Amino acid sequence: MELISSLQNSRIKNVIKLTEKPSERRTQRLIVIEGLREMTLAARAGFRIDSLFVCPGKVRDRAGVEALADAAVTAFEVTPPVFGKMAFTAKTWMV
């Protein structure tokens, strides 16, 4: 997984934009799903995981994350500050 440590990274900025603007989600035809359980359910339902962002310090289920990373088009490791900026749920463990 490629490491993203900059809050100025264009991918991080796009995720934030997607979480904040419904019009952006419609334009890009993308949604943000947060949490291992929710992402696993979406993958099982046939949704394509375009990008997976993982903060290793927040991962509880390594096997579950690895399975999602294998299914994702791209997977990135993010630092805790980047993860904190991206997360829209206070108690999120994995994005």
C-alpha atoms as a PDB file:
ATOM      1  CA  MET A   1       0.000   0.000   0.000  1.00  0.00           C
ATOM      2  CA  GLU A   2       1.186   3.469  -0.843  1.00  0.00           C
ATOM      3  CA  LEU A   3       1.552   5.764   2.194  1.00  0.00           C
ATOM      4  CA  ILE A   4      -0.250   9.104   2.239  1.00  0.00           C
ATOM      5  CA  SER A   5       0.962  11.432   4.969  1.00  0.00           C
ATOM      6  CA  SER A   6       0.030  14.846   3.561  1.00  0.00           C
ATOM      7  CA  LEU A   7      -3.257  16.561   4.257  1.00  0.00           C
ATOM      8  CA  GLN A   8      -2.704  18.356   0.945  1.00  0.00           C
ATOM      9  CA  ASN A   9      -2.823  15.115  -1.068  1.00  0.00           C
ATOM     10  CA  SER A  10      -5.388  15.403  -3.874  1.00  0.00           C
ATOM     11  CA  ARG A  11      -6.975  12.033  -3.025  1.00  0.00           C
ATOM     12  CA  ILE A  12      -7.505  13.094   0.596  1.00  0.00           C
ATOM     13  CA  LYS A  13      -8.950  16.419  -0.480  1.00  0.00           C
ATOM     14  CA  ASN A  14     -11.343  14.592  -2.799  1.00  0.00           C
ATOM     15  CA  VAL A  15     -12.565  12.251  -0.043  1.00  0.00           C
ATOM     16  CA  ILE A  16     -13.261  15.258   2.165  1.00  0.00           C
ATOM     17  CA  LYS A  17     -15.109  16.961  -0.689  1.00  0.00           C
ATOM     18  CA  LEU A  18     -17.190  13.812  -1.234  1.00  0.00           C
ATOM     19  CA  THR A  19     -18.166  13.643   2.441  1.00  0.00           C
ATOM     20  CA  GLU A  20     -19.169  17.303   2.532  1.00  0.00           C
ATOM     21  CA  LYS A  21     -20.935  17.850  -0.801  1.00  0.00           C
ATOM     22  CA  PRO A  22     -23.815  15.725  -2.077  1.00  0.00           C
ATOM     23  CA  SER A  23     -23.497  17.419  -5.478  1.00  0.00           C
ATOM     24  CA  GLU A  24     -19.905  16.189  -5.720  1.00  0.00           C
ATOM     25  CA  ARG A  25     -21.015  12.633  -4.940  1.00  0.00           C
ATOM     26  CA  ARG A  26     -23.602  12.837  -7.712  1.00  0.00           C
ATOM     27  CA  THR A  27     -21.124  14.342 -10.187  1.00  0.00           C
ATOM     28  CA  GLN A  28     -18.411  11.757  -9.495  1.00  0.00           C
ATOM     29  CA  ARG A  29     -20.920   8.945  -8.945  1.00  0.00           C
ATOM     30  CA  LEU A  30     -19.032   7.950  -5.793  1.00  0.00           C
ATOM     31  CA  ILE A  31     -19.935   7.544  -2.134  1.00  0.00           C
ATOM     32  CA  VAL A  32     -17.787   7.348   0.976  1.00  0.00           C
ATOM     33  CA  ILE A  33     -18.275   4.310   3.182  1.00  0.00           C
ATOM     34  CA  GLU A  34     -16.661   4.274   6.585  1.00  0.00           C
ATOM     35  CA  GLY A  35     -16.041   1.209   8.691  1.00  0.00           C
ATOM     36  CA  LEU A  36     -14.981  -2.361   8.060  1.00  0.00           C
ATOM     37  CA  ARG A  37     -18.437  -3.880   8.531  1.00  0.00           C
ATOM     38  CA  GLU A  38     -20.133  -1.396   6.213  1.00  0.00           C
ATOM     39  CA  MET A  39     -17.462  -1.751   3.538  1.00  0.00           C
ATOM     40  CA  THR A  40     -17.623  -5.544   3.711  1.00  0.00           C
ATOM     41  CA  LEU A  41     -21.403  -5.428   3.283  1.00  0.00           C
ATOM     42  CA  ALA A  42     -21.064  -3.074   0.319  1.00  0.00           C
ATOM     43  CA  ALA A  43     -18.456  -5.325  -1.331  1.00  0.00           C
ATOM     44  CA  ARG A  44     -20.675  -8.382  -0.827  1.00  0.00           C
ATOM     45  CA  ALA A  45     -23.574  -6.463  -2.381  1.00  0.00           C
ATOM     46  CA  GLY A  46     -21.517  -5.923  -5.515  1.00  0.00           C
ATOM     47  CA  PHE A  47     -20.272  -2.385  -5.018  1.00  0.00           C
ATOM     48  CA  ARG A  48     -16.827  -1.698  -6.469  1.00  0.00           C
ATOM     49  CA  ILE A  49     -14.318  -0.335  -3.964  1.00  0.00           C
ATOM     50  CA  ASP A  50     -12.487   2.358  -5.870  1.00  0.00           C
ATOM     51  CA  SER A  51     -10.120   3.443  -3.099  1.00  0.00           C
ATOM     52  CA  LEU A  52      -9.470   2.013   0.337  1.00  0.00           C
ATOM     53  CA  PHE A  53      -7.772   4.169   2.971  1.00  0.00           C
ATOM     54  CA  VAL A  54      -6.381   2.384   6.016  1.00  0.00           C
ATOM     55  CA  CYS A  55      -4.814   3.776   9.179  1.00  0.00           C
ATOM     56  CA  PRO A  56      -2.869   0.792  10.569  1.00  0.00           C
ATOM     57  CA  GLY A  57      -3.176   1.973  14.168  1.00  0.00           C
ATOM     58  CA  LYS A  58      -6.967   1.839  13.936  1.00  0.00           C
ATOM     59  CA  VAL A  59      -7.272  -1.643  12.408  1.00  0.00           C
ATOM     60  CA  ARG A  60      -8.777  -4.351  14.617  1.00  0.00           C
ATOM     61  CA  ASP A  61      -9.353  -7.043  11.985  1.00  0.00           C
ATOM     62  CA  ARG A  62      -6.268  -7.360   9.760  1.00  0.00           C
ATOM     63  CA  ALA A  63      -7.713 -10.243   7.739  1.00  0.00           C
ATOM     64  CA  GLY A  64     -10.856  -8.260   6.974  1.00  0.00           C
ATOM     65  CA  VAL A  65      -8.839  -5.247   5.875  1.00  0.00           C
ATOM     66  CA  GLU A  66      -6.571  -7.400   3.717  1.00  0.00           C
ATOM     67  CA  ALA A  67      -9.599  -8.937   2.003  1.00  0.00           C
ATOM     68  CA  LEU A  68     -10.972  -5.470   1.236  1.00  0.00           C
ATOM     69  CA  ALA A  69      -7.557  -4.277   0.049  1.00  0.00           C
ATOM     70  CA  ASP A  70      -7.427  -7.216  -2.366  1.00  0.00           C
ATOM     71  CA  ALA A  71     -10.884  -6.301  -3.684  1.00  0.00           C
ATOM     72  CA  ALA A  72     -10.170  -2.566  -3.969  1.00  0.00           C
ATOM     73  CA  VAL A  73      -8.964  -0.925  -7.156  1.00  0.00           C
ATOM     74  CA  THR A  74      -6.418   1.018  -5.079  1.00  0.00           C
ATOM     75  CA  ALA A  75      -5.464   0.843  -1.404  1.00  0.00           C
ATOM     76  CA  PHE A  76      -3.601   3.441   0.620  1.00  0.00           C
ATOM     77  CA  GLU A  77      -2.139   3.577   4.098  1.00  0.00           C
ATOM     78  CA  VAL A  78      -2.728   6.916   5.830  1.00  0.00           C
ATOM     79  CA  THR A  79      -1.180   8.475   8.904  1.00  0.00           C
ATOM     80  CA  PRO A  80      -3.307   9.230  11.990  1.00  0.00           C
ATOM     81  CA  PRO A  81      -3.525  12.982  11.234  1.00  0.00           C
ATOM     82  CA  VAL A  82      -4.708  12.282   7.688  1.00  0.00           C
ATOM     83  CA  PHE A  83      -7.169   9.683   8.947  1.00  0.00           C
ATOM     84  CA  GLY A  84      -8.515  12.148  11.517  1.00  0.00           C
ATOM     85  CA  LYS A  85      -9.112  14.722   8.810  1.00  0.00           C
ATOM     86  CA  MET A  86     -10.907  12.222   6.566  1.00  0.00           C
ATOM     87  CA  ALA A  87     -13.086  10.472   9.147  1.00  0.00           C
ATOM     88  CA  PHE A  88     -16.602  11.816   9.473  1.00  0.00           C
ATOM     89  CA  THR A  89     -17.540   9.505  12.337  1.00  0.00           C
ATOM     90  CA  ALA A  90     -15.886  10.168  15.685  1.00  0.00           C
ATOM     91  CA  LYS A  91     -15.428   6.482  16.555  1.00  0.00           C
ATOM     92  CA  THR A  92     -14.323   5.202  13.165  1.00  0.00           C
ATOM     93  CA  TRP A  93     -11.776   2.414  13.260  1.00  0.00           C
ATOM     94  CA  MET A  94     -11.129   1.926   9.572  1.00  0.00           C
ATOM     95  CA  VAL A  95     -11.875   3.719   6.319  1.00  0.00           C
END
